[in-house]
Amino acid sequence: MLQGSSILGHERPLVIRVSFPACVVATVCLPLLGLITCVFISSIFHYEDSTSTHCQVPNYLPSISASISLSPECHIWRFCIGLHSAPRILVAFTYFRFYKTRFSSRCPESSLCCFNLAFSVCENLGLLLLTYVSSSETYFVHKEGFVLFIVSSLIHMLITCRLWKTIKKYSLSPEDAKSHHWKVRFLLLNISFCAFAVFFYWKHNMYCESGSYTLFALFEYLVVFSNMAFHLTAVWDFKSREVMVISSSEDKDF
């Protein structure tokens, strides 16, 4: 929503107001739609290139790394991730301020707030690194970015669940209880999917079994989807908040 008018020749500040839940949904939908688009294009137009493996066994699904390393898929993915990174940092700092207000007098939780922010930023940086350095360009850097993303996201989710456990304990709001409920479940799903993805990746590299890499790719998708679902719970946490952009004009005398 836009607000602004002119009174006696003086222009009032232009105010752009967007509900925080809408901002969160848009932030999550950008990488979600980008990933679905990249996997679809890779499966239809670059199937052989995106599903080939080092040991030449049958594979029926492109991995995320393969899907975002080809063209035009890489450009679509980079556009979506680049566009969503700034709002994601905004959400991270909004959570930080929210936690600091809630836990200003509690020592363990107050310290965890800082770690939570740090790992949230590292998660975003890892995602940017693995996005803008594809596996076909510099595999080592891409792999390190992927590891940074996975490790940071898991620690961030663990700390978040710990903080919300305390919030739920002292809160009477059903929204807080529901948020904690689903955060824990998405965390457990994410850990389970990570474990299955690691297992099938190891199995593929160790035995080169047909279909192992396909299952790895499938659980890799589920790891990302459960991570997105976890971040989507911010819709309940900031249900009544708004994002506002104000453009102030100042009179200048020359």
Protein backbone atom coordinates (compact mmCIF):
# COMPACT_ATOMS: atom_id res chain seq x y z
CA MET A 1 0.00 0.00 0.00
CA LEU A 2 1.28 3.46 -0.92
CA GLN A 3 0.56 6.61 1.03
CA GLY A 4 1.55 10.17 0.21
CA SER A 5 0.09 13.55 -0.62
CA SER A 6 0.93 17.21 -1.05
CA ILE A 7 -0.12 19.85 1.49
CA LEU A 8 0.43 23.58 0.74
CA GLY A 9 3.06 22.74 -1.82
CA HIS A 10 5.03 20.54 0.56
CA GLU A 11 5.21 16.89 -0.36
CA ARG A 12 4.56 14.44 2.46
CA PRO A 13 6.83 11.42 2.82
CA LEU A 14 5.96 8.49 0.59
CA VAL A 15 5.13 5.48 2.73
CA ILE A 16 5.14 1.93 1.39
CA ARG A 17 3.50 -0.45 3.84
CA VAL A 18 3.60 -4.22 3.39
CA SER A 19 2.45 -6.75 5.96
CA PHE A 20 5.33 -8.75 7.41
CA PRO A 21 3.68 -12.11 6.65
CA ALA A 22 3.38 -11.10 2.98
CA CYS A 23 7.08 -10.16 2.99
CA VAL A 24 7.99 -13.53 4.53
CA VAL A 25 5.88 -15.48 2.02
CA ALA A 26 7.42 -13.58 -0.92
CA THR A 27 10.94 -14.15 0.48
CA VAL A 28 10.36 -17.90 0.78
CA CYS A 29 8.54 -18.21 -2.56
CA LEU A 30 11.41 -16.68 -4.56
CA PRO A 31 13.89 -19.57 -4.00
CA LEU A 32 11.04 -22.11 -4.01
CA LEU A 33 9.76 -21.08 -7.44
CA GLY A 34 13.33 -20.61 -8.67
CA LEU A 35 14.30 -24.14 -7.65
CA ILE A 36 11.16 -25.71 -9.13
CA THR A 37 11.74 -23.83 -12.39
CA CYS A 38 15.40 -24.86 -12.58
CA VAL A 39 14.65 -28.54 -11.89
CA PHE A 40 11.84 -28.50 -14.46
CA ILE A 41 13.98 -26.91 -17.19
CA SER A 42 16.89 -29.24 -16.44
CA SER A 43 14.64 -32.31 -16.54
CA ILE A 44 13.00 -31.31 -19.83
CA PHE A 45 15.78 -29.65 -21.85
CA HIS A 46 19.06 -30.80 -20.24
CA TYR A 47 18.13 -34.21 -18.92
CA GLU A 48 21.29 -36.08 -20.00
CA ASP A 49 23.68 -33.39 -18.75
CA SER A 50 21.89 -32.81 -15.44
CA THR A 51 21.43 -36.49 -14.53
CA SER A 52 24.82 -37.85 -15.58
CA THR A 53 27.01 -39.27 -12.80
CA HIS A 54 30.73 -39.92 -12.52
CA CYS A 55 30.23 -43.71 -12.61
CA GLN A 56 27.68 -43.66 -15.45
CA VAL A 57 24.89 -45.49 -13.57
CA PRO A 58 21.20 -44.72 -14.28
CA ASN A 59 19.94 -41.59 -12.54
CA TYR A 60 16.46 -40.15 -12.93
CA LEU A 61 16.54 -36.85 -11.03
CA PRO A 62 18.95 -33.92 -11.36
CA SER A 63 20.60 -32.83 -8.13
CA ILE A 64 20.20 -29.23 -7.04
CA SER A 65 23.84 -28.48 -7.89
CA ALA A 66 23.36 -29.89 -11.41
CA SER A 67 20.07 -28.02 -11.86
CA ILE A 68 21.53 -24.61 -11.03
CA SER A 69 24.82 -24.98 -12.90
CA LEU A 70 23.46 -25.01 -16.47
CA SER A 71 22.13 -22.12 -18.55
CA PRO A 72 19.56 -20.53 -18.33
CA GLU A 73 18.88 -22.28 -15.01
CA CYS A 74 21.87 -20.71 -13.27
CA HIS A 75 20.70 -17.20 -14.19
CA ILE A 76 17.16 -17.87 -12.93
CA TRP A 77 18.48 -19.29 -9.65
CA ARG A 78 20.96 -16.46 -9.12
CA PHE A 79 18.26 -13.86 -9.78
CA CYS A 80 15.87 -15.45 -7.25
CA ILE A 81 18.51 -15.93 -4.54
CA GLY A 82 20.00 -12.47 -5.03
CA LEU A 83 16.55 -10.85 -4.84
CA HIS A 84 15.53 -12.76 -1.71
CA SER A 85 18.78 -12.29 0.24
CA ALA A 86 18.11 -8.71 1.45
CA PRO A 87 14.61 -9.43 2.85
CA ARG A 88 16.02 -12.55 4.47
CA ILE A 89 18.65 -10.49 6.30
CA LEU A 90 15.84 -8.12 7.32
CA VAL A 91 13.91 -11.05 8.81
CA ALA A 92 17.04 -12.22 10.67
CA PHE A 93 17.54 -8.82 12.32
CA THR A 94 13.82 -8.56 13.09
CA TYR A 95 14.05 -11.85 14.97
CA PHE A 96 17.17 -10.59 16.76
CA ARG A 97 15.37 -7.48 18.03
CA PHE A 98 12.34 -9.58 18.96
CA TYR A 99 14.46 -12.02 20.99
CA LYS A 100 16.45 -9.23 22.65
CA THR A 101 13.20 -7.64 23.84
CA ARG A 102 11.89 -10.95 25.16
CA PHE A 103 15.13 -12.11 26.81
CA SER A 104 16.75 -8.88 27.97
CA SER A 105 16.96 -10.15 31.56
CA ARG A 106 17.75 -13.82 30.83
CA CYS A 107 21.44 -14.56 30.42
CA PRO A 108 21.48 -17.89 28.48
CA GLU A 109 18.78 -16.84 26.03
CA SER A 110 20.24 -13.36 25.57
CA SER A 111 23.55 -14.90 24.46
CA LEU A 112 21.76 -17.38 22.20
CA CYS A 113 20.10 -14.45 20.40
CA CYS A 114 23.50 -13.28 19.15
CA PHE A 115 24.50 -16.78 18.02
CA ASN A 116 21.15 -17.18 16.32
CA LEU A 117 21.69 -14.01 14.31
CA ALA A 118 25.26 -15.00 13.42
CA PHE A 119 24.25 -18.43 12.11
CA SER A 120 21.28 -16.97 10.26
CA VAL A 121 23.60 -14.58 8.43
CA CYS A 122 26.10 -17.41 7.78
CA GLU A 123 23.29 -19.53 6.36
CA ASN A 124 22.43 -16.75 3.93
CA LEU A 125 26.10 -16.22 3.01
CA GLY A 126 26.55 -19.95 2.40
CA LEU A 127 23.51 -19.95 0.13
CA LEU A 128 24.87 -16.98 -1.82
CA LEU A 129 28.28 -18.67 -2.13
CA LEU A 130 26.94 -21.97 -3.48
CA THR A 131 24.63 -20.01 -5.79
CA TYR A 132 27.13 -17.70 -7.44
CA VAL A 133 29.94 -20.27 -7.61
CA SER A 134 28.50 -23.28 -9.41
CA SER A 135 29.82 -26.83 -9.10
CA SER A 136 30.91 -26.78 -12.74
CA GLU A 137 33.05 -23.65 -12.17
CA THR A 138 34.85 -24.22 -8.86
CA TYR A 139 33.64 -27.38 -7.18
CA PHE A 140 35.59 -26.90 -3.93
CA VAL A 141 34.18 -23.41 -3.29
CA HIS A 142 30.68 -24.57 -4.22
CA LYS A 143 30.98 -27.53 -1.84
CA GLU A 144 32.24 -25.35 1.02
CA GLY A 145 29.33 -22.96 0.45
CA PHE A 146 26.92 -25.89 0.59
CA VAL A 147 28.47 -27.19 3.83
CA LEU A 148 28.32 -23.70 5.37
CA PHE A 149 24.66 -23.42 4.38
CA ILE A 150 23.67 -26.84 5.79
CA VAL A 151 25.63 -26.57 9.07
CA SER A 152 24.56 -22.97 9.72
CA SER A 153 20.91 -23.71 8.93
CA LEU A 154 20.83 -26.71 11.28
CA ILE A 155 22.43 -24.79 14.17
CA HIS A 156 20.18 -21.80 13.50
CA MET A 157 17.08 -24.02 13.62
CA LEU A 158 18.27 -25.73 16.82
CA ILE A 159 18.86 -22.40 18.58
CA THR A 160 15.54 -21.04 17.32
CA CYS A 161 13.66 -24.04 18.70
CA ARG A 162 15.45 -23.62 22.03
CA LEU A 163 14.43 -19.95 22.21
CA TRP A 164 10.84 -20.67 21.26
CA LYS A 165 10.61 -23.39 23.88
CA THR A 166 11.20 -20.69 26.48
CA ILE A 167 8.80 -18.29 24.76
CA LYS A 168 6.05 -20.93 24.71
CA LYS A 169 6.64 -21.70 28.38
CA TYR A 170 5.83 -18.14 29.48
CA SER A 171 3.38 -17.15 26.73
CA LEU A 172 -0.40 -17.47 26.74
CA SER A 173 -0.69 -16.95 22.98
CA PRO A 174 -1.79 -20.00 20.97
CA GLU A 175 0.17 -18.61 18.00
CA ASP A 176 3.43 -18.92 19.97
CA ALA A 177 2.65 -22.53 20.88
CA LYS A 178 1.74 -23.36 17.27
CA SER A 179 4.91 -21.71 15.99
CA HIS A 180 7.09 -23.74 18.36
CA HIS A 181 5.16 -26.91 17.51
CA TRP A 182 5.82 -26.62 13.78
CA LYS A 183 9.38 -25.33 14.16
CA VAL A 184 10.32 -28.49 16.07
CA ARG A 185 8.66 -30.72 13.50
CA PHE A 186 10.30 -29.02 10.54
CA LEU A 187 13.65 -29.25 12.33
CA LEU A 188 13.22 -33.00 12.90
CA LEU A 189 12.18 -33.47 9.28
CA ASN A 190 15.19 -31.47 8.10
CA ILE A 191 17.61 -33.54 10.20
CA SER A 192 16.02 -36.78 8.94
CA PHE A 193 16.20 -35.69 5.31
CA CYS A 194 19.84 -34.60 5.76
CA ALA A 195 20.71 -38.01 7.19
CA PHE A 196 19.05 -39.84 4.29
CA ALA A 197 20.71 -37.54 1.73
CA VAL A 198 24.16 -38.15 3.25
CA PHE A 199 23.53 -41.90 3.34
CA PHE A 200 22.51 -42.16 -0.32
CA TYR A 201 25.33 -39.83 -1.40
CA TRP A 202 27.83 -42.08 0.42
CA LYS A 203 26.18 -45.18 -1.02
CA HIS A 204 26.38 -43.79 -4.56
CA ASN A 205 30.06 -42.86 -4.25
CA MET A 206 30.97 -46.09 -2.49
CA TYR A 207 29.05 -48.66 -4.56
CA CYS A 208 27.77 -46.75 -7.64
CA GLU A 209 24.39 -48.43 -7.30
CA SER A 210 21.67 -47.58 -9.78
CA GLY A 211 19.11 -45.18 -8.28
CA SER A 212 21.20 -44.18 -5.26
CA TYR A 213 21.94 -40.74 -6.68
CA THR A 214 18.27 -40.34 -7.58
CA LEU A 215 17.32 -40.90 -3.94
CA PHE A 216 20.06 -38.49 -2.87
CA ALA A 217 18.61 -35.82 -5.18
CA LEU A 218 15.10 -36.47 -3.84
CA PHE A 219 16.14 -36.07 -0.21
CA GLU A 220 18.24 -33.05 -1.14
CA TYR A 221 15.04 -31.41 -2.43
CA LEU A 222 13.26 -32.34 0.81
CA VAL A 223 16.09 -30.82 2.89
CA VAL A 224 15.61 -27.51 1.10
CA PHE A 225 11.80 -27.64 1.25
CA SER A 226 11.79 -28.37 5.00
CA ASN A 227 14.23 -25.49 5.52
CA MET A 228 11.91 -23.18 3.61
CA ALA A 229 8.93 -24.40 5.63
CA PHE A 230 10.83 -23.67 8.85
CA HIS A 231 11.46 -20.08 7.77
CA LEU A 232 7.81 -19.74 6.74
CA THR A 233 6.75 -20.05 10.40
CA ALA A 234 7.75 -16.38 10.75
CA VAL A 235 4.25 -15.69 9.38
CA TRP A 236 2.86 -16.67 12.81
CA ASP A 237 5.63 -14.94 14.76
CA PHE A 238 5.06 -11.51 13.19
CA LYS A 239 1.43 -11.79 12.19
CA SER A 240 0.48 -8.21 13.05
CA ARG A 241 3.69 -6.46 11.96
CA GLU A 242 4.33 -4.36 8.88
CA VAL A 243 7.34 -3.42 6.79
CA MET A 244 7.40 0.30 6.08
CA VAL A 245 9.57 2.29 3.67
CA ILE A 246 9.48 6.06 4.23
CA SER A 247 10.94 8.57 1.82
CA SER A 248 11.46 11.88 3.62
CA SER A 249 11.98 15.09 1.69
CA GLU A 250 13.93 17.99 3.12
CA ASP A 251 13.80 21.62 2.04
CA LYS A 252 17.18 22.82 0.80
CA ASP A 253 18.26 26.48 0.65
CA PHE A 254 20.94 27.45 -1.81
